[in-house]
Amino acid sequence: MPLFESYDRRIDQINSVLKANGIESLEEAKSICDNYGVDVISLVKEIQPIAFENAGWAYTVGAAIAIKRGLKDAPAIAEALGEGIQSFCIPGSVADQRKVGLGHGNLGAMLLKEENTCFAFLAGHESFAAAEGAIGIVKSANRVRNTPLKVILNGLGKDAAKIIARINGFTYVQTKFDYTTGKVEEVMRKAYSDGERAQVLSFGADDVREGVAIMHKENVGVSITGNSTNPTRFQHPVAGTYKRERLEAGESYFSVASGGGTGRTLHPDNMGAGPASYGMTDTMGRMHADAQFAGSSSVPAHVEMMGLIGMGNNPMVGATVAVAVAISQK
């Protein structure tokens, strides 16, 4: 029986990467991780239980590479995990062309570096994948950072932000935007748990201007967008506008566009161009992104369709950090 989905289309490339790192097979890669005392597949499934089998194996390959190299620094381990994920990209696919596996490794590394103090899931608040990713980061990243990484959700709709906070045990932060001065003020905040989940701050915005103001208020240095809610009038415009303003102020900002692929919705050319069309959400991501991911922020099957692995892009961020930290602490 094949170990995971699309095994035949992936295995030659995987074996090539393994052998280049002195590892003979997938089974040996798993043994390396098991002997090191890290259950990689369980860590991945803990972040997103509905992830495909190939997700756990992709992280196993990356983890084995990191262990084989003797890496101890969490950011460097995250980059090695990206190499493992990249080896699972089906040759010629959207994910392969965009080097999405390496992108995930690099993003995970950035979240573990001290210079980045706040990470934002810039996503629709009905996307539970953002919550899954946030939980994974908070549970892991701060175990190896000197300065705790602040993790926020910033999306359209204050009611949705509150609901997500209540369900997941996050802290809801209600804001009010002054359209005359362009300033945003905090009205109240309420934590819905006493544990580490309460460290995640859930913001709701009425529109793009308030969303950008929240980004400035929290000093976001890295973010990942989603396409789930009103993609043409929130996530991508917030990221693009905020990026311009940060650069004008001489400050850094690394913007990741999650979601999209080929022929996504809201594009008038879809009927004529078919799969040749980027799709509107994908096009908007390309306009601001430092790294462009492929497939859904949340749905494993759609990311799999892009040729990557069966795991939502947002949960993948949490998994990268979780696995990197677990290896670094052994």
C-alpha atoms as a PDB file:
ATOM      1  CA  MET A   1       0.000   0.000   0.000  1.00  0.00           C
ATOM      2  CA  PRO A   2       1.271   3.523  -0.793  1.00  0.00           C
ATOM      3  CA  LEU A   3       2.196   5.485   2.307  1.00  0.00           C
ATOM      4  CA  PHE A   4       0.373   8.643   1.223  1.00  0.00           C
ATOM      5  CA  GLU A   5      -1.636  10.390  -1.487  1.00  0.00           C
ATOM      6  CA  SER A   6      -0.140  10.733  -5.019  1.00  0.00           C
ATOM      7  CA  TYR A   7       2.765   8.513  -3.942  1.00  0.00           C
ATOM      8  CA  ASP A   8       3.835   7.566  -7.457  1.00  0.00           C
ATOM      9  CA  ARG A   9       3.989  11.188  -8.623  1.00  0.00           C
ATOM     10  CA  ARG A  10       6.130  12.273  -5.673  1.00  0.00           C
ATOM     11  CA  ILE A  11       8.414   9.447  -4.647  1.00  0.00           C
ATOM     12  CA  ASP A  12      11.229   9.856  -7.199  1.00  0.00           C
ATOM     13  CA  GLN A  13      11.798  13.476  -6.198  1.00  0.00           C
ATOM     14  CA  ILE A  14      11.514  12.609  -2.501  1.00  0.00           C
ATOM     15  CA  ASN A  15      14.059   9.818  -2.787  1.00  0.00           C
ATOM     16  CA  SER A  16      16.444  12.137  -4.615  1.00  0.00           C
ATOM     17  CA  VAL A  17      16.289  14.687  -1.790  1.00  0.00           C
ATOM     18  CA  LEU A  18      16.647  11.984   0.867  1.00  0.00           C
ATOM     19  CA  LYS A  19      19.710  10.455  -0.777  1.00  0.00           C
ATOM     20  CA  ALA A  20      21.296  13.889  -1.199  1.00  0.00           C
ATOM     21  CA  ASN A  21      21.089  14.128   2.601  1.00  0.00           C
ATOM     22  CA  GLY A  22      22.426  10.644   3.311  1.00  0.00           C
ATOM     23  CA  ILE A  23      19.031   9.065   3.998  1.00  0.00           C
ATOM     24  CA  GLU A  24      18.106   5.910   2.095  1.00  0.00           C
ATOM     25  CA  SER A  25      14.333   5.810   2.366  1.00  0.00           C
ATOM     26  CA  LEU A  26      11.181   7.252   3.920  1.00  0.00           C
ATOM     27  CA  GLU A  27      11.252   4.468   6.466  1.00  0.00           C
ATOM     28  CA  GLU A  28      14.765   5.479   7.514  1.00  0.00           C
ATOM     29  CA  ALA A  29      13.645   9.105   7.740  1.00  0.00           C
ATOM     30  CA  LYS A  30      10.868   8.110  10.140  1.00  0.00           C
ATOM     31  CA  SER A  31      13.303   5.991  12.179  1.00  0.00           C
ATOM     32  CA  ILE A  32      15.651   8.975  12.484  1.00  0.00           C
ATOM     33  CA  CYS A  33      12.810  11.065  13.916  1.00  0.00           C
ATOM     34  CA  ASP A  34      11.547   8.291  16.203  1.00  0.00           C
ATOM     35  CA  ASN A  35      15.022   7.607  17.566  1.00  0.00           C
ATOM     36  CA  TYR A  36      15.460  11.314  18.193  1.00  0.00           C
ATOM     37  CA  GLY A  37      12.262  11.259  20.255  1.00  0.00           C
ATOM     38  CA  VAL A  38      10.047  13.427  18.033  1.00  0.00           C
ATOM     39  CA  ASP A  39       6.693  12.076  16.803  1.00  0.00           C
ATOM     40  CA  VAL A  40       6.408  14.330  13.764  1.00  0.00           C
ATOM     41  CA  ILE A  41       3.213  12.884  12.332  1.00  0.00           C
ATOM     42  CA  SER A  42       1.368  13.323  15.639  1.00  0.00           C
ATOM     43  CA  LEU A  43       2.546  16.935  15.903  1.00  0.00           C
ATOM     44  CA  VAL A  44       1.194  17.664  12.421  1.00  0.00           C
ATOM     45  CA  LYS A  45      -2.144  15.973  13.099  1.00  0.00           C
ATOM     46  CA  GLU A  46      -2.446  17.855  16.384  1.00  0.00           C
ATOM     47  CA  ILE A  47      -2.435  21.132  14.444  1.00  0.00           C
ATOM     48  CA  GLN A  48      -4.948  20.045  11.779  1.00  0.00           C
ATOM     49  CA  PRO A  49      -6.533  16.627  12.454  1.00  0.00           C
ATOM     50  CA  ILE A  50      -7.992  16.413   8.929  1.00  0.00           C
ATOM     51  CA  ALA A  51      -4.593  16.819   7.253  1.00  0.00           C
ATOM     52  CA  PHE A  52      -3.706  14.175   4.660  1.00  0.00           C
ATOM     53  CA  GLU A  53      -1.151  11.458   5.290  1.00  0.00           C
ATOM     54  CA  ASN A  54       1.323  13.105   2.929  1.00  0.00           C
ATOM     55  CA  ALA A  55       1.506  16.132   5.237  1.00  0.00           C
ATOM     56  CA  GLY A  56       2.885  14.087   8.117  1.00  0.00           C
ATOM     57  CA  TRP A  57       5.377  12.363   5.837  1.00  0.00           C
ATOM     58  CA  ALA A  58       6.542  15.636   4.281  1.00  0.00           C
ATOM     59  CA  TYR A  59       7.364  17.017   7.710  1.00  0.00           C
ATOM     60  CA  THR A  60       9.010  13.708   8.594  1.00  0.00           C
ATOM     61  CA  VAL A  61      11.390  14.101   5.648  1.00  0.00           C
ATOM     62  CA  GLY A  62      12.208  17.693   6.611  1.00  0.00           C
ATOM     63  CA  ALA A  63      12.683  16.751  10.248  1.00  0.00           C
ATOM     64  CA  ALA A  64      15.001  13.876   9.346  1.00  0.00           C
ATOM     65  CA  ILE A  65      17.080  16.235   7.194  1.00  0.00           C
ATOM     66  CA  ALA A  66      17.386  18.691  10.088  1.00  0.00           C
ATOM     67  CA  ILE A  67      18.332  15.949  12.556  1.00  0.00           C
ATOM     68  CA  LYS A  68      20.821  14.392  10.130  1.00  0.00           C
ATOM     69  CA  ARG A  69      22.522  17.793   9.775  1.00  0.00           C
ATOM     70  CA  GLY A  70      22.704  18.196  13.535  1.00  0.00           C
ATOM     71  CA  LEU A  71      20.735  21.442  13.509  1.00  0.00           C
ATOM     72  CA  LYS A  72      19.808  22.877  16.908  1.00  0.00           C
ATOM     73  CA  ASP A  73      18.693  26.408  15.998  1.00  0.00           C
ATOM     74  CA  ALA A  74      14.910  26.524  15.511  1.00  0.00           C
ATOM     75  CA  PRO A  75      14.919  28.941  12.523  1.00  0.00           C
ATOM     76  CA  ALA A  76      17.478  26.787  10.699  1.00  0.00           C
ATOM     77  CA  ILE A  77      15.397  23.681  11.440  1.00  0.00           C
ATOM     78  CA  ALA A  78      12.319  25.407  10.002  1.00  0.00           C
ATOM     79  CA  GLU A  79      14.219  26.071   6.779  1.00  0.00           C
ATOM     80  CA  ALA A  80      15.167  22.390   6.583  1.00  0.00           C
ATOM     81  CA  LEU A  81      11.504  21.457   7.083  1.00  0.00           C
ATOM     82  CA  GLY A  82      10.786  23.590   4.020  1.00  0.00           C
ATOM     83  CA  GLU A  83      13.175  21.434   2.007  1.00  0.00           C
ATOM     84  CA  GLY A  84      11.235  18.353   3.052  1.00  0.00           C
ATOM     85  CA  ILE A  85       7.895  19.908   2.122  1.00  0.00           C
ATOM     86  CA  GLN A  86       9.322  21.095  -1.204  1.00  0.00           C
ATOM     87  CA  SER A  87      10.378  17.534  -2.043  1.00  0.00           C
ATOM     88  CA  PHE A  88       6.692  16.560  -1.907  1.00  0.00           C
ATOM     89  CA  CYS A  89       5.632  19.156  -4.506  1.00  0.00           C
ATOM     90  CA  ILE A  90       4.507  17.350  -7.654  1.00  0.00           C
ATOM     91  CA  PRO A  91       6.884  18.310 -10.498  1.00  0.00           C
ATOM     92  CA  GLY A  92       5.365  20.948 -12.780  1.00  0.00           C
ATOM     93  CA  SER A  93       2.561  21.838 -10.368  1.00  0.00           C
ATOM     94  CA  VAL A  94       1.649  25.322  -9.193  1.00  0.00           C
ATOM     95  CA  ALA A  95       3.212  24.575  -5.795  1.00  0.00           C
ATOM     96  CA  ASP A  96       6.408  23.319  -7.436  1.00  0.00           C
ATOM     97  CA  GLN A  97       6.720  26.378  -9.663  1.00  0.00           C
ATOM     98  CA  ARG A  98       6.241  28.772  -6.738  1.00  0.00           C
ATOM     99  CA  LYS A  99       8.595  26.824  -4.438  1.00  0.00           C
ATOM    100  CA  VAL A 100       5.853  26.841  -1.831  1.00  0.00           C
ATOM    101  CA  GLY A 101       7.531  24.223   0.342  1.00  0.00           C
ATOM    102  CA  LEU A 102      10.641  26.362   0.717  1.00  0.00           C
ATOM    103  CA  GLY A 103       8.379  29.368   1.307  1.00  0.00           C
ATOM    104  CA  HIS A 104       6.710  27.665   4.262  1.00  0.00           C
ATOM    105  CA  GLY A 105      10.104  26.830   5.745  1.00  0.00           C
ATOM    106  CA  ASN A 106      11.292  30.417   5.350  1.00  0.00           C
ATOM    107  CA  LEU A 107       8.096  31.801   6.884  1.00  0.00           C
ATOM    108  CA  GLY A 108       8.433  29.479   9.877  1.00  0.00           C
ATOM    109  CA  ALA A 109      12.026  30.618  10.307  1.00  0.00           C
ATOM    110  CA  MET A 110      10.972  34.276  10.314  1.00  0.00           C
ATOM    111  CA  LEU A 111       8.476  33.656  13.105  1.00  0.00           C
ATOM    112  CA  LEU A 112      11.203  32.129  15.246  1.00  0.00           C
ATOM    113  CA  LYS A 113      13.621  35.037  14.766  1.00  0.00           C
ATOM    114  CA  GLU A 114      13.721  37.696  17.458  1.00  0.00           C
ATOM    115  CA  GLU A 115      13.471  40.695  15.112  1.00  0.00           C
ATOM    116  CA  ASN A 116       9.852  39.870  14.276  1.00  0.00           C
ATOM    117  CA  THR A 117       7.611  40.749  17.211  1.00  0.00           C
ATOM    118  CA  CYS A 118       4.063  40.355  15.851  1.00  0.00           C
ATOM    119  CA  PHE A 119       2.558  37.924  13.347  1.00  0.00           C
ATOM    120  CA  ALA A 120      -0.928  38.404  11.895  1.00  0.00           C
ATOM    121  CA  PHE A 121      -3.316  35.947  10.336  1.00  0.00           C
ATOM    122  CA  LEU A 122      -5.018  38.416   8.042  1.00  0.00           C
ATOM    123  CA  ALA A 123      -7.984  36.188   7.339  1.00  0.00           C
ATOM    124  CA  GLY A 124     -11.728  35.984   7.445  1.00  0.00           C
ATOM    125  CA  HIS A 125     -12.745  35.085  10.967  1.00  0.00           C
ATOM    126  CA  GLU A 126     -14.926  32.207   9.881  1.00  0.00           C
ATOM    127  CA  SER A 127     -11.692  30.477   8.837  1.00  0.00           C
ATOM    128  CA  PHE A 128     -10.926  28.037  11.638  1.00  0.00           C
ATOM    129  CA  ALA A 129      -7.665  27.245   9.873  1.00  0.00           C
ATOM    130  CA  ALA A 130      -6.340  30.602  11.038  1.00  0.00           C
ATOM    131  CA  ALA A 131      -7.223  29.591  14.575  1.00  0.00           C
ATOM    132  CA  GLU A 132      -5.516  26.217  14.141  1.00  0.00           C
ATOM    133  CA  GLY A 133      -2.367  27.903  12.893  1.00  0.00           C
ATOM    134  CA  ALA A 134      -2.398  30.493  15.659  1.00  0.00           C
ATOM    135  CA  ILE A 135      -2.752  27.844  18.355  1.00  0.00           C
ATOM    136  CA  GLY A 136       0.179  25.904  16.925  1.00  0.00           C
ATOM    137  CA  ILE A 137       2.423  28.958  16.924  1.00  0.00           C
ATOM    138  CA  VAL A 138       1.555  30.148  20.421  1.00  0.00           C
ATOM    139  CA  LYS A 139       2.034  26.681  21.891  1.00  0.00           C
ATOM    140  CA  SER A 140       5.500  26.375  20.378  1.00  0.00           C
ATOM    141  CA  ALA A 141       7.274  29.543  19.210  1.00  0.00           C
ATOM    142  CA  ASN A 142       7.666  31.257  22.554  1.00  0.00           C
ATOM    143  CA  ARG A 143       9.432  28.244  24.040  1.00  0.00           C
ATOM    144  CA  VAL A 144      12.527  29.152  22.048  1.00  0.00           C
ATOM    145  CA  ARG A 145      12.185  32.939  21.702  1.00  0.00           C
ATOM    146  CA  ASN A 146      13.638  35.421  24.186  1.00  0.00           C
ATOM    147  CA  THR A 147      10.879  37.911  23.389  1.00  0.00           C
ATOM    148  CA  PRO A 148       7.418  36.351  23.071  1.00  0.00           C
ATOM    149  CA  LEU A 149       5.886  36.521  19.590  1.00  0.00           C
ATOM    150  CA  LYS A 150       2.530  38.249  19.585  1.00  0.00           C
ATOM    151  CA  VAL A 151      -0.006  36.432  17.381  1.00  0.00           C
ATOM    152  CA  ILE A 152      -3.149  38.168  16.197  1.00  0.00           C
ATOM    153  CA  LEU A 153      -6.122  37.446  13.961  1.00  0.00           C
ATOM    154  CA  ASN A 154      -7.309  40.466  12.009  1.00  0.00           C
ATOM    155  CA  GLY A 155     -10.434  40.028   9.917  1.00  0.00           C
ATOM    156  CA  LEU A 156     -13.648  41.580   8.706  1.00  0.00           C
ATOM    157  CA  GLY A 157     -16.480  41.619  11.239  1.00  0.00           C
ATOM    158  CA  LYS A 158     -16.363  42.317  14.974  1.00  0.00           C
ATOM    159  CA  ASP A 159     -19.080  39.785  15.733  1.00  0.00           C
ATOM    160  CA  ALA A 160     -17.181  37.031  13.923  1.00  0.00           C
ATOM    161  CA  ALA A 161     -13.957  37.984  15.728  1.00  0.00           C
ATOM    162  CA  LYS A 162     -15.716  37.627  19.065  1.00  0.00           C
ATOM    163  CA  ILE A 163     -17.229  34.270  18.155  1.00  0.00           C
ATOM    164  CA  ILE A 164     -13.865  32.864  17.054  1.00  0.00           C
ATOM    165  CA  ALA A 165     -12.283  34.135  20.290  1.00  0.00           C
ATOM    166  CA  ARG A 166     -15.007  32.511  22.427  1.00  0.00           C
ATOM    167  CA  ILE A 167     -14.853  29.156  20.645  1.00  0.00           C
ATOM    168  CA  ASN A 168     -11.067  28.915  20.717  1.00  0.00           C
ATOM    169  CA  GLY A 169     -10.311  30.547  24.058  1.00  0.00           C
ATOM    170  CA  PHE A 170      -8.607  33.573  22.487  1.00  0.00           C
ATOM    171  CA  THR A 171      -8.750  37.169  23.689  1.00  0.00           C
ATOM    172  CA  TYR A 172     -11.249  39.328  21.832  1.00  0.00           C
ATOM    173  CA  VAL A 173     -10.115  42.914  21.305  1.00  0.00           C
ATOM    174  CA  GLN A 174     -12.858  45.362  20.323  1.00  0.00           C
ATOM    175  CA  THR A 175     -11.674  48.489  18.528  1.00  0.00           C
ATOM    176  CA  LYS A 176     -13.265  51.683  17.259  1.00  0.00           C
ATOM    177  CA  PHE A 177     -11.910  53.559  14.247  1.00  0.00           C
ATOM    178  CA  ASP A 178     -12.118  57.351  13.949  1.00  0.00           C
ATOM    179  CA  TYR A 179     -12.626  58.121  10.274  1.00  0.00           C
ATOM    180  CA  THR A 180     -11.765  61.793  10.808  1.00  0.00           C
ATOM    181  CA  THR A 181      -8.366  61.298  12.400  1.00  0.00           C
ATOM    182  CA  GLY A 182      -7.552  57.857  10.987  1.00  0.00           C
ATOM    183  CA  LYS A 183      -6.796  56.572  14.491  1.00  0.00           C
ATOM    184  CA  VAL A 184      -7.996  53.339  16.032  1.00  0.00           C
ATOM    185  CA  GLU A 185      -8.600  52.946  19.762  1.00  0.00           C
ATOM    186  CA  GLU A 186      -9.157  49.886  21.882  1.00  0.00           C
ATOM    187  CA  VAL A 187     -12.603  49.814  23.453  1.00  0.00           C
ATOM    188  CA  MET A 188     -12.290  46.611  25.476  1.00  0.00           C
ATOM    189  CA  ARG A 189     -10.679  43.203  25.564  1.00  0.00           C
ATOM    190  CA  LYS A 190     -11.894  39.947  27.034  1.00  0.00           C
ATOM    191  CA  ALA A 191      -9.953  36.712  27.423  1.00  0.00           C
ATOM    192  CA  TYR A 192     -11.991  33.529  26.943  1.00  0.00           C
ATOM    193  CA  SER A 193      -9.479  31.249  28.673  1.00  0.00           C
ATOM    194  CA  ASP A 194      -6.740  31.379  31.268  1.00  0.00           C
ATOM    195  CA  GLY A 195      -4.140  29.441  29.301  1.00  0.00           C
ATOM    196  CA  GLU A 196      -1.811  29.953  26.363  1.00  0.00           C
ATOM    197  CA  ARG A 197      -4.716  30.293  23.925  1.00  0.00           C
ATOM    198  CA  ALA A 198      -5.595  33.600  25.569  1.00  0.00           C
ATOM    199  CA  GLN A 199      -2.337  34.982  24.197  1.00  0.00           C
ATOM    200  CA  VAL A 200      -3.886  35.041  20.716  1.00  0.00           C
ATOM    201  CA  LEU A 201      -5.617  38.383  20.116  1.00  0.00           C
ATOM    202  CA  SER A 202      -8.692  38.354  17.865  1.00  0.00           C
ATOM    203  CA  PHE A 203      -9.531  41.666  16.166  1.00  0.00           C
ATOM    204  CA  GLY A 204     -12.515  42.504  14.002  1.00  0.00           C
ATOM    205  CA  ALA A 205     -12.550  45.441  11.585  1.00  0.00           C
ATOM    206  CA  ASP A 206     -15.429  47.205   9.873  1.00  0.00           C
ATOM    207  CA  ASP A 207     -13.443  47.882   6.714  1.00  0.00           C
ATOM    208  CA  VAL A 208      -9.997  48.122   5.127  1.00  0.00           C
ATOM    209  CA  ARG A 209      -9.028  51.406   6.827  1.00  0.00           C
ATOM    210  CA  GLU A 210      -9.639  49.996  10.289  1.00  0.00           C
ATOM    211  CA  GLY A 211      -7.875  46.777   9.338  1.00  0.00           C
ATOM    212  CA  VAL A 212      -4.756  48.721   8.306  1.00  0.00           C
ATOM    213  CA  ALA A 213      -4.907  50.791  11.490  1.00  0.00           C
ATOM    214  CA  ILE A 214      -5.015  47.615  13.585  1.00  0.00           C
ATOM    215  CA  MET A 215      -1.907  46.349  11.768  1.00  0.00           C
ATOM    216  CA  HIS A 216      -0.064  49.571  12.667  1.00  0.00           C
ATOM    217  CA  LYS A 217      -1.348  49.481  16.250  1.00  0.00           C
ATOM    218  CA  GLU A 218       0.050  45.968  16.775  1.00  0.00           C
ATOM    219  CA  ASN A 219       3.270  46.637  14.827  1.00  0.00           C
ATOM    220  CA  VAL A 220       2.794  43.619  12.558  1.00  0.00           C
ATOM    221  CA  GLY A 221       6.038  42.578  10.864  1.00  0.00           C
ATOM    222  CA  VAL A 222       4.855  39.377   9.167  1.00  0.00           C
ATOM    223  CA  SER A 223       1.405  38.319   8.002  1.00  0.00           C
ATOM    224  CA  ILE A 224      -0.367  35.697   5.955  1.00  0.00           C
ATOM    225  CA  THR A 225      -3.616  36.421   4.153  1.00  0.00           C
ATOM    226  CA  GLY A 226      -6.545  34.193   3.419  1.00  0.00           C
ATOM    227  CA  ASN A 227      -9.221  34.451   0.765  1.00  0.00           C
ATOM    228  CA  SER A 228     -12.210  33.295   2.707  1.00  0.00           C
ATOM    229  CA  THR A 229     -14.305  36.375   3.471  1.00  0.00           C
ATOM    230  CA  ASN A 230     -14.853  39.247   1.057  1.00  0.00           C
ATOM    231  CA  PRO A 231     -11.443  38.784  -0.579  1.00  0.00           C
ATOM    232  CA  THR A 232     -11.854  41.751  -2.900  1.00  0.00           C
ATOM    233  CA  ARG A 233     -12.446  44.217  -0.101  1.00  0.00           C
ATOM    234  CA  PHE A 234     -10.458  43.175   2.924  1.00  0.00           C
ATOM    235  CA  GLN A 235      -7.496  40.818   3.262  1.00  0.00           C
ATOM    236  CA  HIS A 236      -5.431  41.667   0.199  1.00  0.00           C
ATOM    237  CA  PRO A 237      -6.199  45.417   0.218  1.00  0.00           C
ATOM    238  CA  VAL A 238      -5.235  45.580   3.904  1.00  0.00           C
ATOM    239  CA  ALA A 239      -1.935  43.806   3.280  1.00  0.00           C
ATOM    240  CA  GLY A 240      -1.120  45.885   0.214  1.00  0.00           C
ATOM    241  CA  THR A 241      -2.006  49.220   1.813  1.00  0.00           C
ATOM    242  CA  TYR A 242      -0.184  48.396   5.034  1.00  0.00           C
ATOM    243  CA  LYS A 243       2.897  47.304   3.104  1.00  0.00           C
ATOM    244  CA  ARG A 244       3.075  50.606   1.229  1.00  0.00           C
ATOM    245  CA  GLU A 245       2.718  52.596   4.448  1.00  0.00           C
ATOM    246  CA  ARG A 246       5.323  50.489   6.296  1.00  0.00           C
ATOM    247  CA  LEU A 247       7.850  50.896   3.511  1.00  0.00           C
ATOM    248  CA  GLU A 248       7.211  54.638   3.355  1.00  0.00           C
ATOM    249  CA  ALA A 249       7.975  54.766   7.096  1.00  0.00           C
ATOM    250  CA  GLY A 250      11.237  52.874   6.586  1.00  0.00           C
ATOM    251  CA  GLU A 251       9.957  49.774   8.394  1.00  0.00           C
ATOM    252  CA  SER A 252      10.046  46.163   7.229  1.00  0.00           C
ATOM    253  CA  TYR A 253       7.034  43.975   6.512  1.00  0.00           C
ATOM    254  CA  PHE A 254       6.986  40.452   5.061  1.00  0.00           C
ATOM    255  CA  SER A 255       3.666  39.712   3.420  1.00  0.00           C
ATOM    256  CA  VAL A 256       2.586  36.178   2.520  1.00  0.00           C
ATOM    257  CA  ALA A 257      -0.416  35.538   0.284  1.00  0.00           C
ATOM    258  CA  SER A 258      -2.159  32.282   1.054  1.00  0.00           C
ATOM    259  CA  GLY A 259      -4.899  30.831  -1.059  1.00  0.00           C
ATOM    260  CA  GLY A 260      -5.425  31.017  -4.778  1.00  0.00           C
ATOM    261  CA  GLY A 261      -4.108  28.804  -7.504  1.00  0.00           C
ATOM    262  CA  THR A 262      -5.399  28.622 -11.027  1.00  0.00           C
ATOM    263  CA  GLY A 263      -8.824  29.678 -12.196  1.00  0.00           C
ATOM    264  CA  ARG A 264     -10.085  30.883  -8.819  1.00  0.00           C
ATOM    265  CA  THR A 265     -13.314  32.820  -8.387  1.00  0.00           C
ATOM    266  CA  LEU A 266     -14.254  36.451  -9.007  1.00  0.00           C
ATOM    267  CA  HIS A 267     -12.411  36.786 -12.289  1.00  0.00           C
ATOM    268  CA  PRO A 268     -14.350  37.796 -15.414  1.00  0.00           C
ATOM    269  CA  ASP A 269     -11.903  35.976 -17.674  1.00  0.00           C
ATOM    270  CA  ASN A 270     -12.434  32.577 -16.058  1.00  0.00           C
ATOM    271  CA  MET A 271     -14.983  31.576 -18.666  1.00  0.00           C
ATOM    272  CA  GLY A 272     -12.663  32.448 -21.542  1.00  0.00           C
ATOM    273  CA  ALA A 273      -9.249  31.575 -20.164  1.00  0.00           C
ATOM    274  CA  GLY A 274     -10.165  28.596 -17.996  1.00  0.00           C
ATOM    275  CA  PRO A 275      -7.267  27.291 -15.925  1.00  0.00           C
ATOM    276  CA  ALA A 276      -4.917  29.818 -17.564  1.00  0.00           C
ATOM    277  CA  SER A 277      -6.574  32.538 -15.469  1.00  0.00           C
ATOM    278  CA  TYR A 278      -4.982  33.344 -12.125  1.00  0.00           C
ATOM    279  CA  GLY A 279      -8.337  34.218 -10.607  1.00  0.00           C
ATOM    280  CA  MET A 280      -8.931  37.521  -8.816  1.00  0.00           C
ATOM    281  CA  THR A 281      -7.888  36.431  -5.331  1.00  0.00           C
ATOM    282  CA  ASP A 282      -4.669  34.962  -6.685  1.00  0.00           C
ATOM    283  CA  THR A 283      -3.979  38.067  -8.760  1.00  0.00           C
ATOM    284  CA  MET A 284      -4.446  40.341  -5.744  1.00  0.00           C
ATOM    285  CA  GLY A 285      -2.030  38.243  -3.709  1.00  0.00           C
ATOM    286  CA  ARG A 286       0.635  38.638  -6.374  1.00  0.00           C
ATOM    287  CA  MET A 287       0.345  42.419  -6.072  1.00  0.00           C
ATOM    288  CA  HIS A 288       1.642  42.601  -2.482  1.00  0.00           C
ATOM    289  CA  ALA A 289       3.157  39.261  -1.546  1.00  0.00           C
ATOM    290  CA  ASP A 290       6.791  38.578  -0.717  1.00  0.00           C
ATOM    291  CA  ALA A 291       5.857  34.892  -0.840  1.00  0.00           C
ATOM    292  CA  GLN A 292       2.884  33.430  -2.688  1.00  0.00           C
ATOM    293  CA  PHE A 293       1.461  30.163  -1.432  1.00  0.00           C
ATOM    294  CA  ALA A 294      -0.872  27.896  -3.376  1.00  0.00           C
ATOM    295  CA  GLY A 295      -4.245  26.517  -2.495  1.00  0.00           C
ATOM    296  CA  SER A 296      -6.675  27.130   0.309  1.00  0.00           C
ATOM    297  CA  SER A 297      -5.757  28.700   3.629  1.00  0.00           C
ATOM    298  CA  SER A 298      -7.786  25.981   5.305  1.00  0.00           C
ATOM    299  CA  VAL A 299      -8.900  23.101   3.068  1.00  0.00           C
ATOM    300  CA  PRO A 300      -6.343  20.259   2.745  1.00  0.00           C
ATOM    301  CA  ALA A 301      -7.850  18.916  -0.490  1.00  0.00           C
ATOM    302  CA  HIS A 302      -7.408  22.221  -2.300  1.00  0.00           C
ATOM    303  CA  VAL A 303      -3.767  22.583  -1.279  1.00  0.00           C
ATOM    304  CA  GLU A 304      -3.261  19.004  -2.461  1.00  0.00           C
ATOM    305  CA  MET A 305      -4.799  19.983  -5.810  1.00  0.00           C
ATOM    306  CA  MET A 306      -2.126  22.641  -6.215  1.00  0.00           C
ATOM    307  CA  GLY A 307       0.507  19.900  -6.004  1.00  0.00           C
ATOM    308  CA  LEU A 308       1.682  20.592  -2.435  1.00  0.00           C
ATOM    309  CA  ILE A 309       0.486  18.454   0.497  1.00  0.00           C
ATOM    310  CA  GLY A 310      -2.922  17.905   2.026  1.00  0.00           C
ATOM    311  CA  MET A 311      -2.863  20.553   4.731  1.00  0.00           C
ATOM    312  CA  GLY A 312      -4.272  24.075   4.869  1.00  0.00           C
ATOM    313  CA  ASN A 313      -1.679  26.806   4.474  1.00  0.00           C
ATOM    314  CA  ASN A 314      -2.515  28.456   7.793  1.00  0.00           C
ATOM    315  CA  PRO A 315      -2.279  25.232   9.837  1.00  0.00           C
ATOM    316  CA  MET A 316       0.949  24.480   7.958  1.00  0.00           C
ATOM    317  CA  VAL A 317       2.487  27.606   9.472  1.00  0.00           C
ATOM    318  CA  GLY A 318       1.662  26.285  12.932  1.00  0.00           C
ATOM    319  CA  ALA A 319       3.002  22.830  12.083  1.00  0.00           C
ATOM    320  CA  THR A 320       6.302  24.223  10.802  1.00  0.00           C
ATOM    321  CA  VAL A 321       6.873  26.141  14.019  1.00  0.00           C
ATOM    322  CA  ALA A 322       5.714  23.262  16.239  1.00  0.00           C
ATOM    323  CA  VAL A 323       7.987  20.669  14.625  1.00  0.00           C
ATOM    324  CA  ALA A 324      10.985  23.024  14.477  1.00  0.00           C
ATOM    325  CA  VAL A 325      10.662  23.854  18.152  1.00  0.00           C
ATOM    326  CA  ALA A 326      10.204  20.182  19.150  1.00  0.00           C
ATOM    327  CA  ILE A 327      13.451  19.225  17.398  1.00  0.00           C
ATOM    328  CA  SER A 328      15.369  22.206  18.755  1.00  0.00           C
ATOM    329  CA  GLN A 329      14.458  21.369  22.330  1.00  0.00           C
ATOM    330  CA  LYS A 330      15.697  17.760  22.254  1.00  0.00           C
END
